[in-house]
Amino acid sequence: MNSRRIERHIQFALLSAYANSGLALVKLALGIWGASPTLCLYALCSVGMAAAKWIAARSYRHIGDGGGDGESLFSNGEAGSQREEDLRVHTAVGAIIVATSVPFLLHSLYVYTRGGSADYPANVAIAIAAVTFTEIGMAIYGAIVAKRAGVRLVTLLKLTNLAFALFLLVLTQTAILSFADPRYLSTYNGLSGLLFGAGALSIGGYIVVRAGADRKRVGET
């Protein structure tokens, strides 16, 4: 893929990161309006998604792809190789996904075992569904774009989009089930949160472990 098309993909990642930040504020406002700590937690997920995308995209902007040296986001201004930067970025993004997944899983476990799943008013539930469908659409498009690019840092965006899309699916389900029988909300929402949260945690852990293994191989050569 030529550099111009890759640059467009990176630009989309940066724009979607800013969009995720804006949507995080919307979720926070809806959480306060609907008195929902759960929705405030999802606002944190959107912040994590935005941070992960921004780190990967900005890193590519600093050093490009293909081996040139440049200023690293993680080296205090010192020059670093493309490979070193790549490993640092993978570790940072994976850590963000893991750090976001842990409180999400703990919350889902609490909902599943103790109950207390969010029950939103109809207008709040519709607004939540609209926001989450927008984010899911951006995540799907971003994953498709990254798959076509075939660049390591861009491909990392695909895994990032996938991990955070799992969170969004749970939130969408929560909003939709607000119209259903409240007796089953905690069971369904808690269980799906545990399953999808574990999936996101696995993706983040895989990214971190893979980066560590690659760093070890580089050190041995």
N, C-alpha and C. Protein backbone atom coordinates (compact mmCIF):
# COMPACT_ATOMS: atom_id res chain seq x y z
N MET A 1 0.85 -1.19 0.00
CA MET A 1 0.00 0.00 0.00
C MET A 1 0.88 1.24 0.00
N ASN A 2 0.56 2.25 -0.85
CA ASN A 2 1.42 3.41 -0.95
C ASN A 2 1.30 4.29 0.29
N SER A 3 2.30 5.15 0.47
CA SER A 3 2.38 5.97 1.69
C SER A 3 1.23 6.95 1.79
N ARG A 4 0.69 7.40 0.64
CA ARG A 4 -0.41 8.36 0.70
C ARG A 4 -1.67 7.71 1.28
N ARG A 5 -1.95 6.48 0.88
CA ARG A 5 -3.13 5.80 1.41
C ARG A 5 -2.95 5.47 2.89
N ILE A 6 -1.74 5.05 3.26
CA ILE A 6 -1.48 4.77 4.67
C ILE A 6 -1.66 6.03 5.50
N GLU A 7 -1.20 7.16 4.97
CA GLU A 7 -1.35 8.42 5.68
C GLU A 7 -2.83 8.76 5.89
N ARG A 8 -3.66 8.45 4.91
CA ARG A 8 -5.10 8.69 5.08
C ARG A 8 -5.67 7.82 6.20
N HIS A 9 -5.18 6.58 6.28
CA HIS A 9 -5.65 5.68 7.34
C HIS A 9 -5.22 6.20 8.72
N ILE A 10 -3.98 6.69 8.80
CA ILE A 10 -3.50 7.25 10.06
C ILE A 10 -4.31 8.49 10.43
N GLN A 11 -4.62 9.31 9.43
CA GLN A 11 -5.43 10.51 9.68
C GLN A 11 -6.80 10.12 10.21
N PHE A 12 -7.40 9.06 9.65
CA PHE A 12 -8.70 8.60 10.15
C PHE A 12 -8.58 8.14 11.60
N ALA A 13 -7.49 7.45 11.93
CA ALA A 13 -7.30 6.99 13.31
C ALA A 13 -7.22 8.17 14.27
N LEU A 14 -6.52 9.23 13.88
CA LEU A 14 -6.42 10.41 14.73
C LEU A 14 -7.78 11.09 14.89
N LEU A 15 -8.49 11.21 13.78
CA LEU A 15 -9.81 11.85 13.84
C LEU A 15 -10.77 11.03 14.70
N SER A 16 -10.73 9.70 14.56
CA SER A 16 -11.62 8.86 15.37
C SER A 16 -11.23 8.91 16.84
N ALA A 17 -9.93 9.09 17.13
CA ALA A 17 -9.50 9.24 18.52
C ALA A 17 -10.12 10.49 19.13
N TYR A 18 -10.11 11.58 18.38
CA TYR A 18 -10.74 12.81 18.87
C TYR A 18 -12.26 12.62 19.01
N ALA A 19 -12.85 11.88 18.05
CA ALA A 19 -14.29 11.62 18.12
C ALA A 19 -14.62 10.78 19.35
N ASN A 20 -13.78 9.77 19.64
CA ASN A 20 -14.00 8.95 20.84
C ASN A 20 -13.91 9.80 22.10
N SER A 21 -13.01 10.77 22.11
CA SER A 21 -12.90 11.66 23.27
C SER A 21 -14.18 12.47 23.45
N GLY A 22 -14.71 12.97 22.32
CA GLY A 22 -15.96 13.72 22.39
C GLY A 22 -17.12 12.86 22.85
N LEU A 23 -17.19 11.63 22.33
CA LEU A 23 -18.26 10.72 22.73
C LEU A 23 -18.13 10.31 24.19
N ALA A 24 -16.89 10.29 24.70
CA ALA A 24 -16.70 10.00 26.12
C ALA A 24 -17.36 11.07 26.97
N LEU A 25 -17.27 12.32 26.54
CA LEU A 25 -17.93 13.41 27.26
C LEU A 25 -19.45 13.26 27.19
N VAL A 26 -19.95 12.81 26.01
CA VAL A 26 -21.39 12.59 25.87
C VAL A 26 -21.85 11.49 26.83
N LYS A 27 -21.07 10.40 26.89
CA LYS A 27 -21.43 9.30 27.80
C LYS A 27 -21.39 9.76 29.25
N LEU A 28 -20.39 10.57 29.58
CA LEU A 28 -20.29 11.07 30.94
C LEU A 28 -21.51 11.93 31.27
N ALA A 29 -21.91 12.78 30.32
CA ALA A 29 -23.08 13.63 30.54
C ALA A 29 -24.35 12.78 30.69
N LEU A 30 -24.48 11.75 29.83
CA LEU A 30 -25.64 10.87 29.94
C LEU A 30 -25.62 10.08 31.25
N GLY A 31 -24.40 9.71 31.70
CA GLY A 31 -24.28 8.99 32.96
C GLY A 31 -24.71 9.84 34.14
N ILE A 32 -24.35 11.12 34.09
CA ILE A 32 -24.76 12.03 35.15
C ILE A 32 -26.25 12.29 35.08
N TRP A 33 -26.76 12.47 33.85
CA TRP A 33 -28.19 12.71 33.65
C TRP A 33 -29.02 11.52 34.12
N GLY A 34 -28.57 10.33 33.77
CA GLY A 34 -29.31 9.13 34.16
C GLY A 34 -28.86 8.54 35.47
N ALA A 35 -28.00 9.26 36.22
CA ALA A 35 -27.49 8.77 37.51
C ALA A 35 -26.94 7.36 37.37
N SER A 36 -26.06 7.16 36.37
CA SER A 36 -25.55 5.82 36.06
C SER A 36 -24.03 5.77 36.16
N PRO A 37 -23.50 5.20 37.26
CA PRO A 37 -22.05 4.99 37.35
C PRO A 37 -21.54 4.07 36.24
N THR A 38 -22.42 3.15 35.78
CA THR A 38 -22.04 2.24 34.70
C THR A 38 -21.68 3.01 33.44
N LEU A 39 -22.49 3.99 33.09
CA LEU A 39 -22.24 4.76 31.89
C LEU A 39 -20.97 5.60 32.04
N CYS A 40 -20.69 6.06 33.24
CA CYS A 40 -19.44 6.78 33.49
C CYS A 40 -18.24 5.85 33.28
N LEU A 41 -18.40 4.56 33.62
CA LEU A 41 -17.35 3.59 33.37
C LEU A 41 -17.11 3.43 31.87
N TYR A 42 -18.18 3.43 31.09
CA TYR A 42 -18.04 3.33 29.64
C TYR A 42 -17.39 4.58 29.06
N ALA A 43 -17.59 5.70 29.71
CA ALA A 43 -16.88 6.92 29.28
C ALA A 43 -15.38 6.71 29.42
N LEU A 44 -14.97 6.03 30.50
CA LEU A 44 -13.56 5.69 30.68
C LEU A 44 -13.07 4.79 29.56
N CYS A 45 -13.91 3.84 29.12
CA CYS A 45 -13.53 2.96 28.01
C CYS A 45 -13.29 3.76 26.75
N SER A 46 -14.11 4.77 26.50
CA SER A 46 -13.93 5.60 25.31
C SER A 46 -12.64 6.40 25.40
N VAL A 47 -12.31 6.86 26.60
CA VAL A 47 -11.04 7.58 26.79
C VAL A 47 -9.87 6.64 26.51
N GLY A 48 -9.97 5.39 27.00
CA GLY A 48 -8.91 4.42 26.72
C GLY A 48 -8.77 4.15 25.24
N MET A 49 -9.90 4.03 24.53
CA MET A 49 -9.85 3.80 23.10
C MET A 49 -9.18 4.96 22.38
N ALA A 50 -9.54 6.18 22.78
CA ALA A 50 -8.96 7.36 22.16
C ALA A 50 -7.45 7.43 22.41
N ALA A 51 -7.04 7.14 23.65
CA ALA A 51 -5.61 7.19 23.99
C ALA A 51 -4.81 6.15 23.20
N ALA A 52 -5.34 4.93 23.09
CA ALA A 52 -4.64 3.88 22.37
C ALA A 52 -4.48 4.23 20.89
N LYS A 53 -5.55 4.73 20.28
CA LYS A 53 -5.47 5.12 18.87
C LYS A 53 -4.49 6.28 18.67
N TRP A 54 -4.54 7.24 19.57
CA TRP A 54 -3.68 8.42 19.44
C TRP A 54 -2.21 8.04 19.54
N ILE A 55 -1.88 7.17 20.50
CA ILE A 55 -0.49 6.75 20.67
C ILE A 55 0.03 6.05 19.41
N ALA A 56 -0.76 5.11 18.88
CA ALA A 56 -0.32 4.36 17.70
C ALA A 56 -0.18 5.29 16.49
N ALA A 57 -1.17 6.15 16.28
CA ALA A 57 -1.15 7.03 15.12
C ALA A 57 -0.04 8.06 15.22
N ARG A 58 0.13 8.67 16.39
CA ARG A 58 1.18 9.68 16.56
C ARG A 58 2.56 9.06 16.44
N SER A 59 2.71 7.83 16.89
CA SER A 59 4.00 7.17 16.76
C SER A 59 4.35 6.98 15.29
N TYR A 60 3.37 6.55 14.49
CA TYR A 60 3.63 6.38 13.06
C TYR A 60 3.99 7.72 12.43
N ARG A 61 3.34 8.78 12.86
CA ARG A 61 3.64 10.11 12.35
C ARG A 61 5.07 10.53 12.68
N HIS A 62 5.59 10.12 13.85
CA HIS A 62 6.92 10.51 14.27
C HIS A 62 8.00 9.83 13.44
N ILE A 63 7.84 8.53 13.22
CA ILE A 63 8.94 7.79 12.62
C ILE A 63 8.61 7.17 11.28
N GLY A 64 7.33 7.20 10.87
CA GLY A 64 6.95 6.57 9.61
C GLY A 64 7.04 5.08 9.72
N ASP A 65 6.96 4.39 8.60
CA ASP A 65 7.05 2.94 8.57
C ASP A 65 8.09 2.54 7.55
N GLY A 66 8.97 1.65 7.93
CA GLY A 66 9.96 1.20 6.98
C GLY A 66 11.37 1.32 7.46
N GLY A 67 11.57 1.75 8.73
CA GLY A 67 12.89 1.64 9.29
C GLY A 67 13.62 2.92 9.56
N GLY A 68 13.08 4.09 9.15
CA GLY A 68 13.80 5.31 9.41
C GLY A 68 13.80 5.67 10.87
N ASP A 69 14.88 6.34 11.33
CA ASP A 69 14.93 6.78 12.72
C ASP A 69 14.17 8.08 12.87
N GLY A 70 13.74 8.34 14.07
CA GLY A 70 13.01 9.57 14.34
C GLY A 70 12.82 9.72 15.82
N GLU A 71 12.13 10.78 16.22
CA GLU A 71 11.90 11.04 17.64
C GLU A 71 10.83 10.10 18.17
N SER A 72 11.13 9.42 19.25
CA SER A 72 10.20 8.46 19.83
C SER A 72 9.28 9.15 20.82
N LEU A 73 8.05 8.67 20.90
CA LEU A 73 7.11 9.19 21.90
C LEU A 73 7.50 8.75 23.30
N PHE A 74 8.34 7.73 23.42
CA PHE A 74 8.64 7.11 24.72
C PHE A 74 10.12 7.15 25.07
N SER A 75 10.91 8.01 24.44
CA SER A 75 12.35 8.00 24.70
C SER A 75 12.88 9.35 25.16
N ASN A 76 11.99 10.20 25.67
CA ASN A 76 12.41 11.50 26.21
C ASN A 76 13.18 12.33 25.19
N GLY A 77 12.76 12.23 23.93
CA GLY A 77 13.37 13.06 22.91
C GLY A 77 14.57 12.45 22.23
N GLU A 78 15.07 11.33 22.73
CA GLU A 78 16.21 10.70 22.10
C GLU A 78 15.79 9.93 20.87
N ALA A 79 16.69 9.83 19.90
CA ALA A 79 16.38 9.09 18.69
C ALA A 79 16.31 7.60 19.00
N GLY A 80 15.40 6.91 18.34
CA GLY A 80 15.29 5.48 18.54
C GLY A 80 14.95 4.81 17.24
N SER A 81 15.26 3.55 17.13
CA SER A 81 14.98 2.83 15.90
C SER A 81 13.48 2.61 15.75
N GLN A 82 13.07 2.35 14.52
CA GLN A 82 11.66 2.08 14.25
C GLN A 82 11.19 0.86 15.02
N ARG A 83 12.03 -0.17 15.11
CA ARG A 83 11.66 -1.39 15.80
C ARG A 83 11.46 -1.16 17.29
N GLU A 84 12.35 -0.38 17.91
CA GLU A 84 12.23 -0.08 19.33
C GLU A 84 10.94 0.70 19.60
N GLU A 85 10.68 1.67 18.74
CA GLU A 85 9.45 2.45 18.89
C GLU A 85 8.22 1.56 18.74
N ASP A 86 8.27 0.68 17.76
CA ASP A 86 7.16 -0.23 17.51
C ASP A 86 6.84 -1.07 18.75
N LEU A 87 7.87 -1.59 19.41
CA LEU A 87 7.67 -2.42 20.59
C LEU A 87 7.14 -1.60 21.76
N ARG A 88 7.63 -0.39 21.91
CA ARG A 88 7.14 0.47 22.98
C ARG A 88 5.66 0.80 22.79
N VAL A 89 5.29 1.09 21.55
CA VAL A 89 3.91 1.43 21.26
C VAL A 89 2.98 0.24 21.52
N HIS A 90 3.40 -0.95 21.07
CA HIS A 90 2.59 -2.13 21.31
C HIS A 90 2.39 -2.38 22.81
N THR A 91 3.46 -2.21 23.57
CA THR A 91 3.36 -2.41 25.02
C THR A 91 2.41 -1.40 25.65
N ALA A 92 2.54 -0.12 25.24
CA ALA A 92 1.70 0.93 25.81
C ALA A 92 0.22 0.71 25.47
N VAL A 93 -0.06 0.40 24.20
CA VAL A 93 -1.45 0.19 23.78
C VAL A 93 -2.04 -1.03 24.47
N GLY A 94 -1.26 -2.12 24.53
CA GLY A 94 -1.74 -3.33 25.21
C GLY A 94 -2.03 -3.05 26.68
N ALA A 95 -1.16 -2.26 27.32
CA ALA A 95 -1.36 -1.93 28.74
C ALA A 95 -2.63 -1.12 28.94
N ILE A 96 -2.92 -0.21 28.01
CA ILE A 96 -4.15 0.59 28.11
C ILE A 96 -5.37 -0.30 28.02
N ILE A 97 -5.34 -1.26 27.09
CA ILE A 97 -6.48 -2.17 26.94
C ILE A 97 -6.66 -3.00 28.20
N VAL A 98 -5.55 -3.51 28.76
CA VAL A 98 -5.63 -4.30 29.99
C VAL A 98 -6.16 -3.45 31.15
N ALA A 99 -5.62 -2.23 31.28
CA ALA A 99 -6.03 -1.35 32.38
C ALA A 99 -7.50 -0.97 32.28
N THR A 100 -8.02 -0.88 31.07
CA THR A 100 -9.45 -0.59 30.89
C THR A 100 -10.31 -1.82 31.14
N SER A 101 -9.78 -2.98 30.80
CA SER A 101 -10.55 -4.22 30.92
C SER A 101 -10.77 -4.63 32.37
N VAL A 102 -9.78 -4.38 33.24
CA VAL A 102 -9.86 -4.85 34.62
C VAL A 102 -11.05 -4.24 35.37
N PRO A 103 -11.20 -2.90 35.42
CA PRO A 103 -12.38 -2.37 36.11
C PRO A 103 -13.68 -2.75 35.42
N PHE A 104 -13.64 -2.92 34.10
CA PHE A 104 -14.84 -3.36 33.37
C PHE A 104 -15.25 -4.76 33.82
N LEU A 105 -14.28 -5.66 33.95
CA LEU A 105 -14.57 -7.02 34.40
C LEU A 105 -15.07 -7.05 35.84
N LEU A 106 -14.44 -6.26 36.70
CA LEU A 106 -14.87 -6.21 38.10
C LEU A 106 -16.30 -5.71 38.21
N HIS A 107 -16.62 -4.70 37.43
CA HIS A 107 -17.99 -4.18 37.43
C HIS A 107 -18.97 -5.24 36.92
N SER A 108 -18.60 -5.93 35.85
CA SER A 108 -19.48 -6.96 35.28
C SER A 108 -19.69 -8.11 36.27
N LEU A 109 -18.63 -8.47 36.99
CA LEU A 109 -18.74 -9.51 38.01
C LEU A 109 -19.70 -9.09 39.11
N TYR A 110 -19.60 -7.84 39.52
CA TYR A 110 -20.50 -7.32 40.55
C TYR A 110 -21.95 -7.35 40.07
N VAL A 111 -22.17 -6.92 38.82
CA VAL A 111 -23.53 -6.91 38.27
C VAL A 111 -24.08 -8.34 38.19
N TYR A 112 -23.23 -9.27 37.78
CA TYR A 112 -23.68 -10.65 37.61
C TYR A 112 -24.01 -11.31 38.95
N THR A 113 -23.20 -11.05 39.98
CA THR A 113 -23.36 -11.73 41.27
C THR A 113 -24.28 -10.98 42.23
N ARG A 114 -24.26 -9.65 42.16
CA ARG A 114 -25.03 -8.86 43.12
C ARG A 114 -26.25 -8.17 42.52
N GLY A 115 -26.32 -8.14 41.19
CA GLY A 115 -27.41 -7.43 40.56
C GLY A 115 -27.09 -5.95 40.42
N GLY A 116 -28.10 -5.17 40.13
CA GLY A 116 -27.90 -3.73 40.02
C GLY A 116 -27.53 -3.27 38.63
N SER A 117 -27.94 -4.02 37.60
CA SER A 117 -27.68 -3.59 36.24
C SER A 117 -28.43 -2.29 35.94
N ALA A 118 -27.82 -1.46 35.11
CA ALA A 118 -28.41 -0.16 34.80
C ALA A 118 -29.77 -0.32 34.12
N ASP A 119 -30.71 0.52 34.53
CA ASP A 119 -32.05 0.52 33.93
C ASP A 119 -32.32 1.96 33.49
N TYR A 120 -32.11 2.23 32.20
CA TYR A 120 -32.18 3.60 31.72
C TYR A 120 -33.58 3.99 31.28
N PRO A 121 -33.95 5.25 31.46
CA PRO A 121 -35.19 5.75 30.86
C PRO A 121 -35.11 5.61 29.33
N ALA A 122 -36.27 5.60 28.67
CA ALA A 122 -36.30 5.36 27.22
C ALA A 122 -35.47 6.37 26.45
N ASN A 123 -35.55 7.66 26.80
CA ASN A 123 -34.81 8.67 26.03
C ASN A 123 -33.31 8.52 26.23
N VAL A 124 -32.88 8.17 27.45
CA VAL A 124 -31.46 7.95 27.70
C VAL A 124 -30.97 6.71 26.97
N ALA A 125 -31.78 5.63 26.99
CA ALA A 125 -31.40 4.40 26.32
C ALA A 125 -31.23 4.61 24.81
N ILE A 126 -32.13 5.39 24.21
CA ILE A 126 -32.03 5.67 22.77
C ILE A 126 -30.77 6.47 22.47
N ALA A 127 -30.47 7.45 23.32
CA ALA A 127 -29.25 8.25 23.12
C ALA A 127 -28.00 7.38 23.26
N ILE A 128 -28.01 6.49 24.24
CA ILE A 128 -26.87 5.59 24.44
C ILE A 128 -26.68 4.70 23.21
N ALA A 129 -27.77 4.12 22.71
CA ALA A 129 -27.69 3.25 21.54
C ALA A 129 -27.14 4.01 20.34
N ALA A 130 -27.57 5.26 20.15
CA ALA A 130 -27.08 6.06 19.02
C ALA A 130 -25.58 6.31 19.14
N VAL A 131 -25.12 6.65 20.34
CA VAL A 131 -23.70 6.92 20.54
C VAL A 131 -22.87 5.66 20.33
N THR A 132 -23.32 4.54 20.90
CA THR A 132 -22.53 3.31 20.80
C THR A 132 -22.51 2.76 19.38
N PHE A 133 -23.63 2.88 18.66
CA PHE A 133 -23.64 2.42 17.27
C PHE A 133 -22.67 3.26 16.43
N THR A 134 -22.57 4.54 16.75
CA THR A 134 -21.60 5.39 16.04
C THR A 134 -20.18 4.91 16.30
N GLU A 135 -19.87 4.62 17.55
CA GLU A 135 -18.52 4.15 17.89
C GLU A 135 -18.23 2.78 17.30
N ILE A 136 -19.23 1.89 17.32
CA ILE A 136 -19.04 0.57 16.73
C ILE A 136 -18.78 0.69 15.23
N GLY A 137 -19.51 1.59 14.57
CA GLY A 137 -19.29 1.81 13.15
C GLY A 137 -17.87 2.29 12.87
N MET A 138 -17.38 3.22 13.69
CA MET A 138 -16.00 3.70 13.51
C MET A 138 -15.00 2.59 13.77
N ALA A 139 -15.27 1.75 14.77
CA ALA A 139 -14.36 0.66 15.10
C ALA A 139 -14.30 -0.36 13.97
N ILE A 140 -15.46 -0.70 13.40
CA ILE A 140 -15.49 -1.67 12.30
C ILE A 140 -14.76 -1.12 11.08
N TYR A 141 -15.03 0.14 10.75
CA TYR A 141 -14.36 0.75 9.59
C TYR A 141 -12.85 0.82 9.84
N GLY A 142 -12.48 1.20 11.05
CA GLY A 142 -11.05 1.27 11.37
C GLY A 142 -10.37 -0.08 11.26
N ALA A 143 -11.07 -1.15 11.68
CA ALA A 143 -10.50 -2.49 11.59
C ALA A 143 -10.33 -2.93 10.14
N ILE A 144 -11.30 -2.59 9.30
CA ILE A 144 -11.21 -2.95 7.87
C ILE A 144 -10.06 -2.20 7.22
N VAL A 145 -9.94 -0.93 7.52
CA VAL A 145 -8.87 -0.11 6.97
C VAL A 145 -7.50 -0.65 7.39
N ALA A 146 -7.37 -0.99 8.67
CA ALA A 146 -6.09 -1.48 9.18
C ALA A 146 -5.71 -2.81 8.54
N LYS A 147 -6.70 -3.67 8.32
CA LYS A 147 -6.42 -4.97 7.71
C LYS A 147 -5.87 -4.80 6.30
N ARG A 148 -6.39 -3.83 5.57
CA ARG A 148 -5.91 -3.60 4.21
C ARG A 148 -4.52 -2.99 4.18
N ALA A 149 -4.16 -2.27 5.22
CA ALA A 149 -2.89 -1.54 5.20
C ALA A 149 -1.69 -2.47 5.28
N GLY A 150 -1.72 -3.47 6.15
CA GLY A 150 -0.62 -4.41 6.26
C GLY A 150 0.61 -3.82 6.92
N VAL A 151 0.48 -2.78 7.74
CA VAL A 151 1.59 -2.15 8.43
C VAL A 151 1.44 -2.46 9.92
N ARG A 152 2.55 -2.75 10.60
CA ARG A 152 2.46 -3.24 11.98
C ARG A 152 1.71 -2.27 12.89
N LEU A 153 2.11 -1.02 12.90
CA LEU A 153 1.46 -0.07 13.79
C LEU A 153 0.01 0.19 13.37
N VAL A 154 -0.25 0.11 12.08
CA VAL A 154 -1.63 0.29 11.62
C VAL A 154 -2.45 -0.95 11.96
N THR A 155 -1.83 -2.12 11.82
CA THR A 155 -2.52 -3.35 12.19
C THR A 155 -2.84 -3.37 13.68
N LEU A 156 -2.00 -2.74 14.49
CA LEU A 156 -2.28 -2.63 15.92
C LEU A 156 -3.61 -1.93 16.15
N LEU A 157 -3.94 -0.98 15.30
CA LEU A 157 -5.22 -0.28 15.42
C LEU A 157 -6.39 -1.24 15.24
N LYS A 158 -6.20 -2.27 14.41
CA LYS A 158 -7.27 -3.25 14.21
C LYS A 158 -7.58 -3.97 15.51
N LEU A 159 -6.54 -4.39 16.22
CA LEU A 159 -6.75 -5.07 17.50
C LEU A 159 -7.35 -4.13 18.53
N THR A 160 -6.92 -2.87 18.51
CA THR A 160 -7.47 -1.88 19.43
C THR A 160 -8.96 -1.68 19.17
N ASN A 161 -9.33 -1.52 17.90
CA ASN A 161 -10.74 -1.36 17.55
C ASN A 161 -11.55 -2.57 17.97
N LEU A 162 -11.00 -3.76 17.76
CA LEU A 162 -11.71 -4.98 18.13
C LEU A 162 -11.94 -5.06 19.63
N ALA A 163 -10.90 -4.78 20.42
CA ALA A 163 -11.01 -4.87 21.87
C ALA A 163 -12.08 -3.92 22.41
N PHE A 164 -12.05 -2.68 21.98
CA PHE A 164 -13.00 -1.72 22.52
C PHE A 164 -14.39 -1.88 21.93
N ALA A 165 -14.49 -2.48 20.74
CA ALA A 165 -15.81 -2.79 20.19
C ALA A 165 -16.54 -3.79 21.09
N LEU A 166 -15.79 -4.67 21.75
CA LEU A 166 -16.41 -5.63 22.66
C LEU A 166 -17.08 -4.93 23.84
N PHE A 167 -16.42 -3.88 24.37
CA PHE A 167 -17.06 -3.09 25.43
C PHE A 167 -18.35 -2.45 24.94
N LEU A 168 -18.28 -1.92 23.72
CA LEU A 168 -19.42 -1.20 23.18
C LEU A 168 -20.62 -2.11 22.94
N LEU A 169 -20.34 -3.37 22.58
CA LEU A 169 -21.44 -4.32 22.38
C LEU A 169 -22.21 -4.54 23.68
N VAL A 170 -21.49 -4.58 24.79
CA VAL A 170 -22.15 -4.77 26.08
C VAL A 170 -23.01 -3.56 26.42
N LEU A 171 -22.46 -2.37 26.17
CA LEU A 171 -23.24 -1.17 26.46
C LEU A 171 -24.49 -1.09 25.58
N THR A 172 -24.34 -1.46 24.32
CA THR A 172 -25.51 -1.46 23.42
C THR A 172 -26.57 -2.43 23.92
N GLN A 173 -26.14 -3.62 24.35
CA GLN A 173 -27.08 -4.60 24.89
C GLN A 173 -27.76 -4.06 26.13
N THR A 174 -27.00 -3.40 27.00
CA THR A 174 -27.56 -2.86 28.23
C THR A 174 -28.66 -1.85 27.92
N ALA A 175 -28.39 -0.98 26.92
CA ALA A 175 -29.37 0.03 26.56
C ALA A 175 -30.63 -0.60 25.98
N ILE A 176 -30.45 -1.58 25.10
CA ILE A 176 -31.60 -2.22 24.46
C ILE A 176 -32.44 -3.00 25.47
N LEU A 177 -31.76 -3.70 26.39
CA LEU A 177 -32.48 -4.51 27.37
C LEU A 177 -33.17 -3.65 28.43
N SER A 178 -32.91 -2.35 28.43
CA SER A 178 -33.61 -1.48 29.36
C SER A 178 -35.11 -1.49 29.11
N PHE A 179 -35.47 -1.88 27.86
CA PHE A 179 -36.90 -1.93 27.52
C PHE A 179 -37.51 -3.30 27.87
N ALA A 180 -36.65 -4.24 28.28
CA ALA A 180 -37.13 -5.60 28.54
C ALA A 180 -37.47 -5.78 30.01
N ASP A 181 -37.75 -7.03 30.37
CA ASP A 181 -38.10 -7.37 31.75
C ASP A 181 -36.87 -7.14 32.64
N PRO A 182 -36.94 -6.25 33.62
CA PRO A 182 -35.78 -5.92 34.47
C PRO A 182 -35.27 -7.09 35.30
N ARG A 183 -36.05 -8.16 35.43
CA ARG A 183 -35.60 -9.29 36.24
C ARG A 183 -34.37 -9.97 35.65
N TYR A 184 -34.18 -9.85 34.34
CA TYR A 184 -33.10 -10.57 33.68
C TYR A 184 -31.93 -9.66 33.29
N LEU A 185 -32.03 -8.38 33.60
CA LEU A 185 -30.99 -7.44 33.17
C LEU A 185 -29.63 -7.80 33.76
N SER A 186 -29.57 -8.03 35.07
CA SER A 186 -28.30 -8.28 35.72
C SER A 186 -27.63 -9.54 35.19
N THR A 187 -28.41 -10.60 34.98
CA THR A 187 -27.84 -11.85 34.50
C THR A 187 -27.25 -11.69 33.11
N TYR A 188 -28.04 -11.16 32.18
CA TYR A 188 -27.60 -11.04 30.80
C TYR A 188 -26.45 -10.03 30.66
N ASN A 189 -26.62 -8.87 31.25
CA ASN A 189 -25.61 -7.84 31.11
C ASN A 189 -24.32 -8.20 31.84
N GLY A 190 -24.46 -8.78 33.02
CA GLY A 190 -23.26 -9.19 33.76
C GLY A 190 -22.49 -10.28 33.04
N LEU A 191 -23.22 -11.29 32.53
CA LEU A 191 -22.56 -12.40 31.84
C LEU A 191 -21.88 -11.94 30.55
N SER A 192 -22.59 -11.15 29.76
CA SER A 192 -21.99 -10.67 28.52
C SER A 192 -20.80 -9.76 28.81
N GLY A 193 -20.89 -8.97 29.88
CA GLY A 193 -19.76 -8.13 30.27
C GLY A 193 -18.54 -8.96 30.65
N LEU A 194 -18.76 -10.06 31.36
CA LEU A 194 -17.65 -10.93 31.72
C LEU A 194 -17.02 -11.58 30.49
N LEU A 195 -17.86 -12.04 29.56
CA LEU A 195 -17.34 -12.72 28.37
C LEU A 195 -16.59 -11.75 27.46
N PHE A 196 -17.23 -10.63 27.13
CA PHE A 196 -16.60 -9.68 26.22
C PHE A 196 -15.43 -8.96 26.90
N GLY A 197 -15.56 -8.72 28.20
CA GLY A 197 -14.44 -8.10 28.92
C GLY A 197 -13.23 -9.01 28.95
N ALA A 198 -13.47 -10.32 29.13
CA ALA A 198 -12.37 -11.28 29.10
C ALA A 198 -11.73 -11.31 27.71
N GLY A 199 -12.55 -11.17 26.67
CA GLY A 199 -12.02 -11.12 25.32
C GLY A 199 -11.12 -9.91 25.11
N ALA A 200 -11.57 -8.75 25.59
CA ALA A 200 -10.76 -7.54 25.47
C ALA A 200 -9.46 -7.66 26.28
N LEU A 201 -9.57 -8.22 27.49
CA LEU A 201 -8.38 -8.42 28.32
C LEU A 201 -7.39 -9.35 27.63
N SER A 202 -7.89 -10.39 26.97
CA SER A 202 -7.02 -11.33 26.25
C SER A 202 -6.29 -10.63 25.11
N ILE A 203 -6.99 -9.74 24.41
CA ILE A 203 -6.36 -9.01 23.31
C ILE A 203 -5.25 -8.11 23.84
N GLY A 204 -5.54 -7.38 24.92
CA GLY A 204 -4.52 -6.52 25.50
C GLY A 204 -3.33 -7.30 26.02
N GLY A 205 -3.63 -8.43 26.70
CA GLY A 205 -2.54 -9.27 27.20
C GLY A 205 -1.70 -9.84 26.08
N TYR A 206 -2.36 -10.25 25.00
CA TYR A 206 -1.63 -10.80 23.85
C TYR A 206 -0.68 -9.76 23.26
N ILE A 207 -1.16 -8.51 23.14
CA ILE A 207 -0.31 -7.45 22.58
C ILE A 207 0.92 -7.23 23.45
N VAL A 208 0.73 -7.18 24.78
CA VAL A 208 1.84 -6.94 25.69
C VAL A 208 2.83 -8.11 25.67
N VAL A 209 2.31 -9.34 25.75
CA VAL A 209 3.18 -10.52 25.76
C VAL A 209 3.94 -10.64 24.45
N ARG A 210 3.25 -10.40 23.34
CA ARG A 210 3.91 -10.49 22.03
C ARG A 210 5.02 -9.46 21.91
N ALA A 211 4.77 -8.24 22.40
CA ALA A 211 5.80 -7.21 22.36
C ALA A 211 6.99 -7.60 23.22
N GLY A 212 6.73 -8.19 24.40
CA GLY A 212 7.81 -8.64 25.26
C GLY A 212 8.64 -9.73 24.61
N ALA A 213 7.97 -10.67 23.95
CA ALA A 213 8.69 -11.75 23.27
C ALA A 213 9.53 -11.20 22.13
N ASP A 214 8.97 -10.26 21.37
CA ASP A 214 9.73 -9.65 20.27
C ASP A 214 10.94 -8.87 20.80
N ARG A 215 10.74 -8.18 21.93
CA ARG A 215 11.85 -7.42 22.51
C ARG A 215 12.98 -8.37 22.96
N LYS A 216 12.59 -9.52 23.50
CA LYS A 216 13.59 -10.49 23.92
C LYS A 216 14.37 -11.04 22.73
N ARG A 217 13.68 -11.30 21.64
CA ARG A 217 14.35 -11.81 20.45
C ARG A 217 15.28 -10.77 19.87
N VAL A 218 14.85 -9.50 19.88
CA VAL A 218 15.71 -8.43 19.38
C VAL A 218 16.97 -8.32 20.22
N GLY A 219 16.80 -8.47 21.57
CA GLY A 219 17.96 -8.37 22.45
C GLY A 219 18.94 -9.51 22.27
N GLU A 220 18.45 -10.66 21.80
CA GLU A 220 19.34 -11.81 21.62
C GLU A 220 20.10 -11.77 20.31
N THR A 221 19.65 -10.91 19.39
CA THR A 221 20.32 -10.85 18.09
C THR A 221 21.44 -9.82 18.08
